[in-house]
Amino acid sequence: MEIKSRVPGKIVRFEKQVGDQVAVKDILIIMEAMKMRQVIPSPVAGVVKEYKVQPGDRVSAGAVVAIVE
């Protein structure tokens, strides 16, 4: 499943690594948007397959940031 950013902002760090098991609502990414920290949680249980961004990248709302299968 493609995980998308809900808001535009800057990727700060990953909370889970590629290959990690995740549950629904586990935090995948911390980002900064409008000078506030925002989280991107996993909407599904599975394994983090890939990150499409790197810390420091700026993303737009709706951008695919990770893949969880």
N, C-alpha and C. Protein backbone atom coordinates (compact mmCIF):
# COMPACT_ATOMS: atom_id res chain seq x y z
N MET A 1 0.83 -1.18 0.00
CA MET A 1 0.00 0.00 0.00
C MET A 1 0.88 1.24 0.00
N GLU A 2 0.52 2.20 -0.82
CA GLU A 2 1.24 3.47 -0.84
C GLU A 2 0.82 4.32 0.36
N ILE A 3 1.80 4.84 1.08
CA ILE A 3 1.55 5.73 2.20
C ILE A 3 1.83 7.14 1.71
N LYS A 4 0.88 8.05 1.91
CA LYS A 4 1.00 9.41 1.38
C LYS A 4 1.03 10.45 2.49
N SER A 5 1.69 11.54 2.21
CA SER A 5 1.72 12.68 3.12
C SER A 5 0.37 13.39 3.04
N ARG A 6 -0.17 13.75 4.19
CA ARG A 6 -1.45 14.47 4.21
C ARG A 6 -1.26 15.97 4.01
N VAL A 7 -0.08 16.47 4.35
CA VAL A 7 0.20 17.91 4.28
C VAL A 7 1.58 18.12 3.64
N PRO A 8 1.82 19.30 3.08
CA PRO A 8 3.17 19.59 2.58
C PRO A 8 4.11 19.83 3.75
N GLY A 9 5.37 19.45 3.59
CA GLY A 9 6.33 19.68 4.66
C GLY A 9 7.68 19.06 4.36
N LYS A 10 8.51 18.99 5.40
CA LYS A 10 9.87 18.46 5.28
C LYS A 10 9.99 17.19 6.11
N ILE A 11 10.57 16.15 5.52
CA ILE A 11 10.79 14.89 6.22
C ILE A 11 11.91 15.09 7.24
N VAL A 12 11.64 14.72 8.50
CA VAL A 12 12.63 14.88 9.57
C VAL A 12 13.36 13.56 9.81
N ARG A 13 12.61 12.49 10.06
CA ARG A 13 13.25 11.19 10.30
C ARG A 13 12.25 10.05 10.14
N PHE A 14 12.83 8.83 10.01
CA PHE A 14 12.03 7.61 9.95
C PHE A 14 11.97 7.01 11.35
N GLU A 15 10.80 6.55 11.75
CA GLU A 15 10.63 5.87 13.03
C GLU A 15 10.76 4.36 12.87
N LYS A 16 10.52 3.86 11.68
CA LYS A 16 10.66 2.44 11.36
C LYS A 16 11.63 2.31 10.19
N GLN A 17 12.33 1.20 10.14
CA GLN A 17 13.29 0.96 9.06
C GLN A 17 12.69 0.00 8.03
N VAL A 18 13.24 0.01 6.83
CA VAL A 18 12.82 -0.94 5.80
C VAL A 18 13.01 -2.35 6.36
N GLY A 19 11.97 -3.18 6.21
CA GLY A 19 12.01 -4.54 6.73
C GLY A 19 11.32 -4.70 8.08
N ASP A 20 11.05 -3.59 8.75
CA ASP A 20 10.37 -3.65 10.06
C ASP A 20 8.90 -4.01 9.89
N GLN A 21 8.39 -4.80 10.84
CA GLN A 21 6.96 -5.07 10.94
C GLN A 21 6.29 -3.85 11.54
N VAL A 22 5.11 -3.50 11.03
CA VAL A 22 4.35 -2.39 11.60
C VAL A 22 2.90 -2.81 11.81
N ALA A 23 2.29 -2.20 12.81
CA ALA A 23 0.87 -2.40 13.08
C ALA A 23 0.12 -1.15 12.62
N VAL A 24 -1.19 -1.26 12.55
CA VAL A 24 -2.01 -0.10 12.21
C VAL A 24 -1.73 1.01 13.23
N LYS A 25 -1.53 2.21 12.74
CA LYS A 25 -1.26 3.43 13.52
C LYS A 25 0.17 3.55 14.04
N ASP A 26 1.05 2.58 13.76
CA ASP A 26 2.46 2.76 14.11
C ASP A 26 3.00 3.95 13.32
N ILE A 27 3.80 4.78 13.97
CA ILE A 27 4.36 5.96 13.30
C ILE A 27 5.51 5.54 12.40
N LEU A 28 5.42 5.92 11.12
CA LEU A 28 6.47 5.61 10.15
C LEU A 28 7.45 6.76 10.00
N ILE A 29 6.92 7.98 9.89
CA ILE A 29 7.74 9.14 9.55
C ILE A 29 7.35 10.33 10.43
N ILE A 30 8.36 11.07 10.86
CA ILE A 30 8.15 12.36 11.51
C ILE A 30 8.48 13.42 10.46
N MET A 31 7.58 14.38 10.31
CA MET A 31 7.84 15.47 9.37
C MET A 31 7.52 16.81 10.03
N GLU A 32 8.02 17.86 9.45
CA GLU A 32 7.76 19.21 9.94
C GLU A 32 6.89 19.92 8.92
N ALA A 33 5.75 20.42 9.38
CA ALA A 33 4.83 21.14 8.51
C ALA A 33 4.31 22.35 9.27
N MET A 34 4.40 23.50 8.67
CA MET A 34 3.94 24.74 9.31
C MET A 34 4.60 24.94 10.67
N LYS A 35 5.89 24.63 10.75
CA LYS A 35 6.71 24.78 11.96
C LYS A 35 6.24 23.89 13.12
N MET A 36 5.48 22.86 12.80
CA MET A 36 5.03 21.89 13.81
C MET A 36 5.42 20.49 13.36
N ARG A 37 5.66 19.62 14.33
CA ARG A 37 5.95 18.23 14.00
C ARG A 37 4.64 17.51 13.69
N GLN A 38 4.65 16.76 12.62
CA GLN A 38 3.52 15.95 12.20
C GLN A 38 4.01 14.52 12.07
N VAL A 39 3.10 13.56 12.22
CA VAL A 39 3.47 12.16 12.05
C VAL A 39 2.72 11.58 10.86
N ILE A 40 3.35 10.60 10.24
CA ILE A 40 2.69 9.82 9.20
C ILE A 40 2.60 8.39 9.73
N PRO A 41 1.39 7.96 10.12
CA PRO A 41 1.22 6.61 10.64
C PRO A 41 0.93 5.61 9.51
N SER A 42 1.09 4.34 9.83
CA SER A 42 0.74 3.29 8.88
C SER A 42 -0.77 3.02 8.99
N PRO A 43 -1.48 3.04 7.87
CA PRO A 43 -2.91 2.73 7.91
C PRO A 43 -3.19 1.23 7.90
N VAL A 44 -2.14 0.43 7.69
CA VAL A 44 -2.29 -1.03 7.61
C VAL A 44 -1.17 -1.73 8.39
N ALA A 45 -1.42 -2.98 8.76
CA ALA A 45 -0.37 -3.80 9.34
C ALA A 45 0.42 -4.43 8.19
N GLY A 46 1.71 -4.60 8.38
CA GLY A 46 2.53 -5.19 7.34
C GLY A 46 4.00 -4.96 7.58
N VAL A 47 4.76 -4.91 6.48
CA VAL A 47 6.21 -4.72 6.52
C VAL A 47 6.55 -3.49 5.70
N VAL A 48 7.44 -2.65 6.23
CA VAL A 48 7.91 -1.48 5.48
C VAL A 48 8.79 -2.00 4.34
N LYS A 49 8.35 -1.79 3.10
CA LYS A 49 9.09 -2.28 1.94
C LYS A 49 10.05 -1.24 1.38
N GLU A 50 9.65 0.04 1.44
CA GLU A 50 10.48 1.06 0.79
C GLU A 50 10.05 2.44 1.27
N TYR A 51 11.03 3.33 1.37
CA TYR A 51 10.75 4.75 1.56
C TYR A 51 11.03 5.44 0.23
N LYS A 52 10.13 6.31 -0.18
CA LYS A 52 10.26 7.05 -1.44
C LYS A 52 10.90 8.42 -1.22
N VAL A 53 11.22 8.74 0.03
CA VAL A 53 11.80 10.04 0.40
C VAL A 53 12.98 9.80 1.33
N GLN A 54 13.73 10.86 1.58
CA GLN A 54 14.85 10.82 2.52
C GLN A 54 14.69 11.97 3.51
N PRO A 55 15.26 11.83 4.72
CA PRO A 55 15.23 12.96 5.65
C PRO A 55 15.81 14.21 4.99
N GLY A 56 15.12 15.32 5.18
CA GLY A 56 15.53 16.58 4.56
C GLY A 56 14.74 16.91 3.31
N ASP A 57 14.10 15.89 2.70
CA ASP A 57 13.30 16.12 1.49
C ASP A 57 12.05 16.93 1.83
N ARG A 58 11.65 17.78 0.90
CA ARG A 58 10.37 18.49 1.01
C ARG A 58 9.35 17.73 0.16
N VAL A 59 8.15 17.55 0.70
CA VAL A 59 7.11 16.82 -0.01
C VAL A 59 5.84 17.66 -0.07
N SER A 60 5.03 17.40 -1.08
CA SER A 60 3.75 18.07 -1.20
C SER A 60 2.66 17.17 -0.61
N ALA A 61 1.51 17.75 -0.35
CA ALA A 61 0.37 16.96 0.14
C ALA A 61 0.02 15.92 -0.92
N GLY A 62 -0.19 14.70 -0.50
CA GLY A 62 -0.54 13.62 -1.42
C GLY A 62 0.65 12.89 -2.01
N ALA A 63 1.86 13.32 -1.69
CA ALA A 63 3.06 12.65 -2.21
C ALA A 63 3.22 11.27 -1.56
N VAL A 64 3.58 10.28 -2.36
CA VAL A 64 3.86 8.94 -1.83
C VAL A 64 5.19 8.99 -1.09
N VAL A 65 5.19 8.59 0.19
CA VAL A 65 6.41 8.66 0.99
C VAL A 65 6.94 7.28 1.38
N ALA A 66 6.07 6.26 1.35
CA ALA A 66 6.51 4.92 1.75
C ALA A 66 5.59 3.87 1.15
N ILE A 67 6.10 2.63 1.15
CA ILE A 67 5.31 1.48 0.73
C ILE A 67 5.30 0.48 1.88
N VAL A 68 4.10 0.05 2.28
CA VAL A 68 3.94 -0.99 3.31
C VAL A 68 3.13 -2.11 2.68
N GLU A 69 3.63 -3.34 2.79
CA GLU A 69 2.90 -4.50 2.24
C GLU A 69 2.59 -5.48 3.33
